[in-house]
Amino acid sequence: MKLYSTLTRKGQTTVPKEVRDLLRLSPRQKLAFVVEEGQVRIEPATGSIRDLLASIGSPAAKTKPGMSISQMRKVYKAKRLRAWRTKQG
């Protein structure tokens, strides 16, 4: 099977639906481009749960391994407070 996609001026392209279905890709999922011997292979990127949380903009991505729930809450509250202060000007 050979499928085509067009590259935009910004370097973006759409992954054909058949490929998305085959790889079970979902919106905003990261992809890995594996280059070997002049060939490029696209596959779903694998990473840590922290990478996954960062990809969806979760504040939990800013936490450190081994942090307690209480410490994670403090990080989240501090981030919300900074955002609120920024809006207040």
Protein backbone atom coordinates (compact mmCIF):
# COMPACT_ATOMS: atom_id res chain seq x y z
CA MET A 1 0.00 0.00 0.00
CA LYS A 2 1.31 3.45 -0.90
CA LEU A 3 -0.39 6.51 0.60
CA TYR A 4 0.33 10.18 -0.02
CA SER A 5 0.24 13.37 2.01
CA THR A 6 1.24 16.96 1.22
CA LEU A 7 3.80 18.93 3.23
CA THR A 8 2.69 22.48 4.10
CA ARG A 9 4.91 25.58 4.12
CA LYS A 10 5.18 25.15 7.89
CA GLY A 11 6.50 21.61 7.47
CA GLN A 12 3.26 20.00 8.63
CA THR A 13 1.42 17.11 7.07
CA THR A 14 -1.65 14.98 7.76
CA VAL A 15 -1.13 11.32 8.57
CA PRO A 16 -3.56 9.44 6.31
CA LYS A 17 -6.53 7.90 8.14
CA GLU A 18 -5.50 4.39 7.11
CA VAL A 19 -2.12 4.90 8.82
CA ARG A 20 -3.69 6.48 11.93
CA ASP A 21 -6.03 3.51 12.21
CA LEU A 22 -3.26 0.98 11.62
CA LEU A 23 -1.03 2.55 14.29
CA ARG A 24 -4.01 3.29 16.57
CA LEU A 25 -3.00 6.94 16.79
CA SER A 26 -5.05 9.52 18.64
CA PRO A 27 -5.04 13.33 18.37
CA ARG A 28 -1.98 15.05 19.91
CA GLN A 29 -0.14 11.72 20.21
CA LYS A 30 3.59 12.00 19.63
CA LEU A 31 5.21 10.20 16.72
CA ALA A 32 8.76 8.93 16.35
CA PHE A 33 10.58 9.21 13.03
CA VAL A 34 13.13 6.42 12.88
CA VAL A 35 15.81 6.97 10.21
CA GLU A 36 17.79 3.89 9.17
CA GLU A 37 19.77 3.26 6.01
CA GLY A 38 18.15 6.10 4.07
CA GLN A 39 14.62 5.01 5.02
CA VAL A 40 12.23 6.73 7.43
CA ARG A 41 9.81 4.74 9.56
CA ILE A 42 7.00 6.42 11.53
CA GLU A 43 5.83 4.79 14.74
CA PRO A 44 3.99 5.82 17.88
CA ALA A 45 6.46 7.40 20.31
CA THR A 46 6.90 5.56 23.55
CA GLY A 47 7.89 7.37 26.67
CA SER A 48 7.22 7.77 30.32
CA ILE A 49 3.90 8.69 31.86
CA ARG A 50 5.49 12.10 32.53
CA ASP A 51 6.02 12.54 28.77
CA LEU A 52 2.40 11.62 28.19
CA LEU A 53 1.20 14.11 30.81
CA ALA A 54 3.40 16.84 29.32
CA SER A 55 1.93 16.20 25.87
CA ILE A 56 -1.55 17.03 27.19
CA GLY A 57 -0.36 20.00 29.25
CA SER A 58 -0.94 18.39 32.63
CA PRO A 59 0.56 20.16 35.67
CA ALA A 60 1.46 16.71 36.99
CA ALA A 61 4.21 16.62 34.35
CA LYS A 62 6.08 19.21 36.44
CA THR A 63 6.30 16.89 39.44
CA LYS A 64 9.34 14.84 40.35
CA PRO A 65 9.49 11.07 40.87
CA GLY A 66 8.84 10.18 44.49
CA MET A 67 6.80 13.30 45.29
CA SER A 68 3.86 12.82 47.62
CA ILE A 69 0.33 13.77 46.59
CA SER A 70 0.57 16.71 48.99
CA GLN A 71 3.74 17.97 47.28
CA MET A 72 2.14 17.52 43.84
CA ARG A 73 -0.86 19.58 44.97
CA LYS A 74 1.49 22.37 46.12
CA VAL A 75 3.16 22.42 42.70
CA TYR A 76 -0.23 22.60 40.98
CA LYS A 77 -1.54 25.34 43.30
CA ALA A 78 1.62 27.40 42.80
CA LYS A 79 1.22 27.13 39.02
CA ARG A 80 -2.43 28.24 39.22
CA LEU A 81 -1.49 31.16 41.47
CA ARG A 82 1.23 32.30 39.04
CA ALA A 83 -1.26 32.12 36.16
CA TRP A 84 -3.82 34.13 38.13
CA ARG A 85 -1.24 36.79 39.07
CA THR A 86 -0.16 37.06 35.44
CA LYS A 87 -3.77 37.68 34.38
CA GLN A 88 -4.17 40.35 37.06
CA GLY A 89 -1.19 42.22 35.64
